[in-house]
Amino acid sequence: MRSGIRLGVDVGKARIGVARSDPHGMLATPVETVPRAADGRADMMRIAEIAAEHEAFEAVVGLPLNLRGERTLSTENAEQFAHRLAAHLARTGVSVRLVDERLSTVSAQGQLRAAGKRTKQSRTIIDQAAAVVILQHALDIERSSGAAPGYAADATPTGTGEATE
């Protein structure tokens, strides 16, 4: 298991949930919900600030595939975001990986309901909770396999990779 803090990123159309791990890669916790920027810059800058604040070495972006493992419009959106984020973070030394995140939002909603939160109450934190689910999944994969989860995002919007899960 690699040591160091990782960020988990749940990309939505309006908001981006961010979570972080502890330095030992054992536990993911929520950090912040970042508004999605129309210009595509302010959100990248804020995530870079969060990475610097927490001294993260990696960001794990959820790749939303459908239940059959097929790509969707949301998949393309998240992948393009991850490539832009990789380009933005390249100068800081923070790498970006894409990890299968099927049902992360559904899982996060279920956990919040179990904690007594109604949907309207949880809208501000659902994205963070989904980022926690994504990051915890990635940490668990790495701990069990000994290899980094998912695949590296290229620092170009047209770059693609293959999932290794």
C-alpha atoms as a PDB file:
ATOM      1  CA  MET A   1       0.000   0.000   0.000  1.00  0.00           C
ATOM      2  CA  ARG A   2       1.421   3.354  -1.015  1.00  0.00           C
ATOM      3  CA  SER A   3       1.516   5.877   1.799  1.00  0.00           C
ATOM      4  CA  GLY A   4       0.242   9.421   1.419  1.00  0.00           C
ATOM      5  CA  ILE A   5      -2.990  11.340   1.191  1.00  0.00           C
ATOM      6  CA  ARG A   6      -5.295  10.828  -1.770  1.00  0.00           C
ATOM      7  CA  LEU A   7      -8.318  12.856  -2.823  1.00  0.00           C
ATOM      8  CA  GLY A   8     -11.542  11.274  -4.024  1.00  0.00           C
ATOM      9  CA  VAL A   9     -13.492  13.239  -6.632  1.00  0.00           C
ATOM     10  CA  ASP A  10     -17.140  12.720  -7.605  1.00  0.00           C
ATOM     11  CA  VAL A  11     -17.863  14.721 -10.768  1.00  0.00           C
ATOM     12  CA  GLY A  12     -21.420  15.928 -11.235  1.00  0.00           C
ATOM     13  CA  LYS A  13     -23.011  18.359 -13.648  1.00  0.00           C
ATOM     14  CA  ALA A  14     -23.527  21.057 -10.997  1.00  0.00           C
ATOM     15  CA  ARG A  15     -21.223  20.039  -8.142  1.00  0.00           C
ATOM     16  CA  ILE A  16     -18.029  18.119  -7.455  1.00  0.00           C
ATOM     17  CA  GLY A  17     -17.697  16.160  -4.233  1.00  0.00           C
ATOM     18  CA  VAL A  18     -14.239  15.941  -2.692  1.00  0.00           C
ATOM     19  CA  ALA A  19     -13.018  13.509  -0.030  1.00  0.00           C
ATOM     20  CA  ARG A  20      -9.571  12.733   1.365  1.00  0.00           C
ATOM     21  CA  SER A  21      -7.800   9.757   2.853  1.00  0.00           C
ATOM     22  CA  ASP A  22      -5.633   9.585   5.917  1.00  0.00           C
ATOM     23  CA  PRO A  23      -1.848   9.389   5.251  1.00  0.00           C
ATOM     24  CA  HIS A  24      -1.890   5.583   5.591  1.00  0.00           C
ATOM     25  CA  GLY A  25      -4.639   5.091   2.995  1.00  0.00           C
ATOM     26  CA  MET A  26      -7.010   3.374   5.405  1.00  0.00           C
ATOM     27  CA  LEU A  27     -10.021   5.675   5.651  1.00  0.00           C
ATOM     28  CA  ALA A  28     -11.767   8.217   3.412  1.00  0.00           C
ATOM     29  CA  THR A  29     -13.523  11.269   4.895  1.00  0.00           C
ATOM     30  CA  PRO A  30     -15.549  14.088   3.294  1.00  0.00           C
ATOM     31  CA  VAL A  31     -13.873  17.439   2.610  1.00  0.00           C
ATOM     32  CA  GLU A  32     -15.950  19.808   0.500  1.00  0.00           C
ATOM     33  CA  THR A  33     -18.470  20.236  -2.287  1.00  0.00           C
ATOM     34  CA  VAL A  34     -17.047  22.416  -5.057  1.00  0.00           C
ATOM     35  CA  PRO A  35     -19.454  24.179  -7.450  1.00  0.00           C
ATOM     36  CA  ARG A  36     -18.892  23.128 -11.058  1.00  0.00           C
ATOM     37  CA  ALA A  37     -17.498  26.146 -12.895  1.00  0.00           C
ATOM     38  CA  ALA A  38     -19.016  27.171 -16.207  1.00  0.00           C
ATOM     39  CA  ASP A  39     -15.580  28.221 -17.441  1.00  0.00           C
ATOM     40  CA  GLY A  40     -13.985  24.981 -16.239  1.00  0.00           C
ATOM     41  CA  ARG A  41     -11.247  26.816 -14.337  1.00  0.00           C
ATOM     42  CA  ALA A  42     -12.491  27.833 -10.891  1.00  0.00           C
ATOM     43  CA  ASP A  43     -13.363  24.239  -9.951  1.00  0.00           C
ATOM     44  CA  MET A  44      -9.946  22.997 -11.106  1.00  0.00           C
ATOM     45  CA  MET A  45      -8.239  25.740  -9.124  1.00  0.00           C
ATOM     46  CA  ARG A  46     -10.196  24.886  -5.972  1.00  0.00           C
ATOM     47  CA  ILE A  47      -9.394  21.180  -6.255  1.00  0.00           C
ATOM     48  CA  ALA A  48      -5.715  22.071  -6.735  1.00  0.00           C
ATOM     49  CA  GLU A  49      -5.932  24.224  -3.582  1.00  0.00           C
ATOM     50  CA  ILE A  50      -7.494  21.330  -1.644  1.00  0.00           C
ATOM     51  CA  ALA A  51      -4.760  18.980  -2.909  1.00  0.00           C
ATOM     52  CA  ALA A  52      -2.090  21.444  -1.748  1.00  0.00           C
ATOM     53  CA  GLU A  53      -3.799  22.050   1.622  1.00  0.00           C
ATOM     54  CA  HIS A  54      -3.869  18.322   2.348  1.00  0.00           C
ATOM     55  CA  GLU A  55      -0.534  17.563   0.647  1.00  0.00           C
ATOM     56  CA  ALA A  56      -2.193  14.938  -1.533  1.00  0.00           C
ATOM     57  CA  PHE A  57      -0.120  12.958  -4.006  1.00  0.00           C
ATOM     58  CA  GLU A  58      -3.051  11.620  -6.029  1.00  0.00           C
ATOM     59  CA  ALA A  59      -6.635  12.373  -6.983  1.00  0.00           C
ATOM     60  CA  VAL A  60      -9.018   9.504  -7.703  1.00  0.00           C
ATOM     61  CA  VAL A  61     -11.876  10.482 -10.017  1.00  0.00           C
ATOM     62  CA  GLY A  62     -14.949   8.274 -10.182  1.00  0.00           C
ATOM     63  CA  LEU A  63     -15.750   6.843 -13.618  1.00  0.00           C
ATOM     64  CA  PRO A  64     -19.530   6.299 -13.797  1.00  0.00           C
ATOM     65  CA  LEU A  65     -20.199   3.257 -15.958  1.00  0.00           C
ATOM     66  CA  ASN A  66     -23.667   1.753 -16.247  1.00  0.00           C
ATOM     67  CA  LEU A  67     -24.504  -1.522 -14.497  1.00  0.00           C
ATOM     68  CA  ARG A  68     -23.311  -3.528 -17.521  1.00  0.00           C
ATOM     69  CA  GLY A  69     -19.937  -1.729 -17.386  1.00  0.00           C
ATOM     70  CA  GLU A  70     -20.713   0.330 -20.474  1.00  0.00           C
ATOM     71  CA  ARG A  71     -19.838   3.978 -21.029  1.00  0.00           C
ATOM     72  CA  THR A  72     -22.499   6.705 -20.819  1.00  0.00           C
ATOM     73  CA  LEU A  73     -22.589  10.475 -21.312  1.00  0.00           C
ATOM     74  CA  SER A  74     -21.680  10.817 -17.623  1.00  0.00           C
ATOM     75  CA  THR A  75     -18.670   8.585 -18.243  1.00  0.00           C
ATOM     76  CA  GLU A  76     -17.443  10.898 -21.001  1.00  0.00           C
ATOM     77  CA  ASN A  77     -18.028  13.958 -18.785  1.00  0.00           C
ATOM     78  CA  ALA A  78     -16.080  12.485 -15.853  1.00  0.00           C
ATOM     79  CA  GLU A  79     -13.263  11.253 -18.075  1.00  0.00           C
ATOM     80  CA  GLN A  80     -12.860  14.634 -19.779  1.00  0.00           C
ATOM     81  CA  PHE A  81     -12.876  16.312 -16.367  1.00  0.00           C
ATOM     82  CA  ALA A  82     -10.198  13.873 -15.117  1.00  0.00           C
ATOM     83  CA  HIS A  83      -7.952  14.596 -18.115  1.00  0.00           C
ATOM     84  CA  ARG A  84      -8.322  18.362 -17.613  1.00  0.00           C
ATOM     85  CA  LEU A  85      -7.638  17.924 -13.889  1.00  0.00           C
ATOM     86  CA  ALA A  86      -4.532  15.839 -14.684  1.00  0.00           C
ATOM     87  CA  ALA A  87      -3.265  18.632 -16.950  1.00  0.00           C
ATOM     88  CA  HIS A  88      -4.030  21.238 -14.280  1.00  0.00           C
ATOM     89  CA  LEU A  89      -2.327  19.249 -11.506  1.00  0.00           C
ATOM     90  CA  ALA A  90       0.643  18.057 -13.598  1.00  0.00           C
ATOM     91  CA  ARG A  91       2.832  20.957 -12.512  1.00  0.00           C
ATOM     92  CA  THR A  92       2.141  20.179  -8.838  1.00  0.00           C
ATOM     93  CA  GLY A  93       3.153  16.517  -9.049  1.00  0.00           C
ATOM     94  CA  VAL A  94      -0.345  15.273  -8.145  1.00  0.00           C
ATOM     95  CA  SER A  95      -1.388  12.396 -10.397  1.00  0.00           C
ATOM     96  CA  VAL A  96      -4.988  11.587 -11.365  1.00  0.00           C
ATOM     97  CA  ARG A  97      -6.513   8.117 -11.652  1.00  0.00           C
ATOM     98  CA  LEU A  98      -9.935   7.008 -12.885  1.00  0.00           C
ATOM     99  CA  VAL A  99     -11.755   4.291 -10.916  1.00  0.00           C
ATOM    100  CA  ASP A 100     -15.049   2.536 -11.651  1.00  0.00           C
ATOM    101  CA  GLU A 101     -17.698   4.142  -9.445  1.00  0.00           C
ATOM    102  CA  ARG A 102     -20.873   2.279 -10.314  1.00  0.00           C
ATOM    103  CA  LEU A 103     -23.584   3.019  -7.753  1.00  0.00           C
ATOM    104  CA  SER A 104     -21.444   5.347  -5.593  1.00  0.00           C
ATOM    105  CA  THR A 105     -24.163   8.009  -5.378  1.00  0.00           C
ATOM    106  CA  VAL A 106     -26.836   5.394  -4.663  1.00  0.00           C
ATOM    107  CA  SER A 107     -24.638   3.917  -1.940  1.00  0.00           C
ATOM    108  CA  ALA A 108     -23.970   7.372  -0.467  1.00  0.00           C
ATOM    109  CA  GLN A 109     -27.684   8.206  -0.472  1.00  0.00           C
ATOM    110  CA  GLY A 110     -28.460   4.940   1.327  1.00  0.00           C
ATOM    111  CA  GLN A 111     -25.837   5.660   3.982  1.00  0.00           C
ATOM    112  CA  LEU A 112     -27.210   9.161   4.543  1.00  0.00           C
ATOM    113  CA  ARG A 113     -30.777   7.822   4.802  1.00  0.00           C
ATOM    114  CA  ALA A 114     -29.593   5.249   7.335  1.00  0.00           C
ATOM    115  CA  ALA A 115     -28.092   8.134   9.309  1.00  0.00           C
ATOM    116  CA  GLY A 116     -31.501   9.842   9.359  1.00  0.00           C
ATOM    117  CA  LYS A 117     -30.828  12.467   6.657  1.00  0.00           C
ATOM    118  CA  ARG A 118     -33.611  13.266   4.210  1.00  0.00           C
ATOM    119  CA  THR A 119     -32.785  13.893   0.542  1.00  0.00           C
ATOM    120  CA  LYS A 120     -33.421  17.634   0.750  1.00  0.00           C
ATOM    121  CA  GLN A 121     -31.210  17.876   3.829  1.00  0.00           C
ATOM    122  CA  SER A 122     -28.433  15.857   2.245  1.00  0.00           C
ATOM    123  CA  ARG A 123     -28.129  17.598  -1.141  1.00  0.00           C
ATOM    124  CA  THR A 124     -25.258  19.715   0.104  1.00  0.00           C
ATOM    125  CA  ILE A 125     -23.310  16.680   1.302  1.00  0.00           C
ATOM    126  CA  ILE A 126     -24.349  13.896  -1.079  1.00  0.00           C
ATOM    127  CA  ASP A 127     -21.509  14.713  -3.476  1.00  0.00           C
ATOM    128  CA  GLN A 128     -18.969  14.552  -0.650  1.00  0.00           C
ATOM    129  CA  ALA A 129     -20.453  11.256   0.519  1.00  0.00           C
ATOM    130  CA  ALA A 130     -20.196   9.846  -3.027  1.00  0.00           C
ATOM    131  CA  ALA A 131     -16.551  10.993  -3.167  1.00  0.00           C
ATOM    132  CA  VAL A 132     -15.957   9.116   0.107  1.00  0.00           C
ATOM    133  CA  VAL A 133     -17.478   5.945  -1.411  1.00  0.00           C
ATOM    134  CA  ILE A 134     -15.296   6.302  -4.543  1.00  0.00           C
ATOM    135  CA  LEU A 135     -12.112   6.897  -2.570  1.00  0.00           C
ATOM    136  CA  GLN A 136     -12.786   4.147  -0.032  1.00  0.00           C
ATOM    137  CA  HIS A 137     -13.407   1.716  -2.899  1.00  0.00           C
ATOM    138  CA  ALA A 138     -10.077   2.733  -4.468  1.00  0.00           C
ATOM    139  CA  LEU A 139      -8.244   2.360  -1.148  1.00  0.00           C
ATOM    140  CA  ASP A 140      -9.759  -1.079  -0.597  1.00  0.00           C
ATOM    141  CA  ILE A 141      -8.743  -2.204  -4.108  1.00  0.00           C
ATOM    142  CA  GLU A 142      -5.177  -1.040  -3.577  1.00  0.00           C
ATOM    143  CA  ARG A 143      -4.948  -2.638  -0.152  1.00  0.00           C
ATOM    144  CA  SER A 144      -6.198  -6.009  -1.448  1.00  0.00           C
ATOM    145  CA  SER A 145      -4.295  -6.061  -4.759  1.00  0.00           C
ATOM    146  CA  GLY A 146      -1.140  -4.152  -3.897  1.00  0.00           C
ATOM    147  CA  ALA A 147      -1.524  -2.144  -7.108  1.00  0.00           C
ATOM    148  CA  ALA A 148      -2.814   1.347  -7.778  1.00  0.00           C
ATOM    149  CA  PRO A 149      -6.535   1.192  -8.633  1.00  0.00           C
ATOM    150  CA  GLY A 150      -8.108   2.006 -11.971  1.00  0.00           C
ATOM    151  CA  TYR A 151      -5.969   3.719 -14.596  1.00  0.00           C
ATOM    152  CA  ALA A 152      -4.013   6.949 -14.899  1.00  0.00           C
ATOM    153  CA  ALA A 153      -5.686   9.918 -16.556  1.00  0.00           C
ATOM    154  CA  ASP A 154      -3.597  11.451 -19.299  1.00  0.00           C
ATOM    155  CA  ALA A 155      -2.940  15.173 -19.083  1.00  0.00           C
ATOM    156  CA  THR A 156      -4.821  15.679 -22.352  1.00  0.00           C
ATOM    157  CA  PRO A 157      -8.581  15.758 -22.984  1.00  0.00           C
ATOM    158  CA  THR A 158      -8.239  13.167 -25.747  1.00  0.00           C
ATOM    159  CA  GLY A 159      -6.138  10.720 -23.748  1.00  0.00           C
ATOM    160  CA  THR A 160      -7.709   7.414 -22.841  1.00  0.00           C
ATOM    161  CA  GLY A 161      -6.626   4.471 -20.794  1.00  0.00           C
ATOM    162  CA  GLU A 162      -7.888   1.072 -19.922  1.00  0.00           C
ATOM    163  CA  ALA A 163      -9.404   0.100 -16.615  1.00  0.00           C
ATOM    164  CA  THR A 164      -7.337  -2.409 -14.689  1.00  0.00           C
ATOM    165  CA  GLU A 165      -9.998  -3.424 -12.148  1.00  0.00           C
END
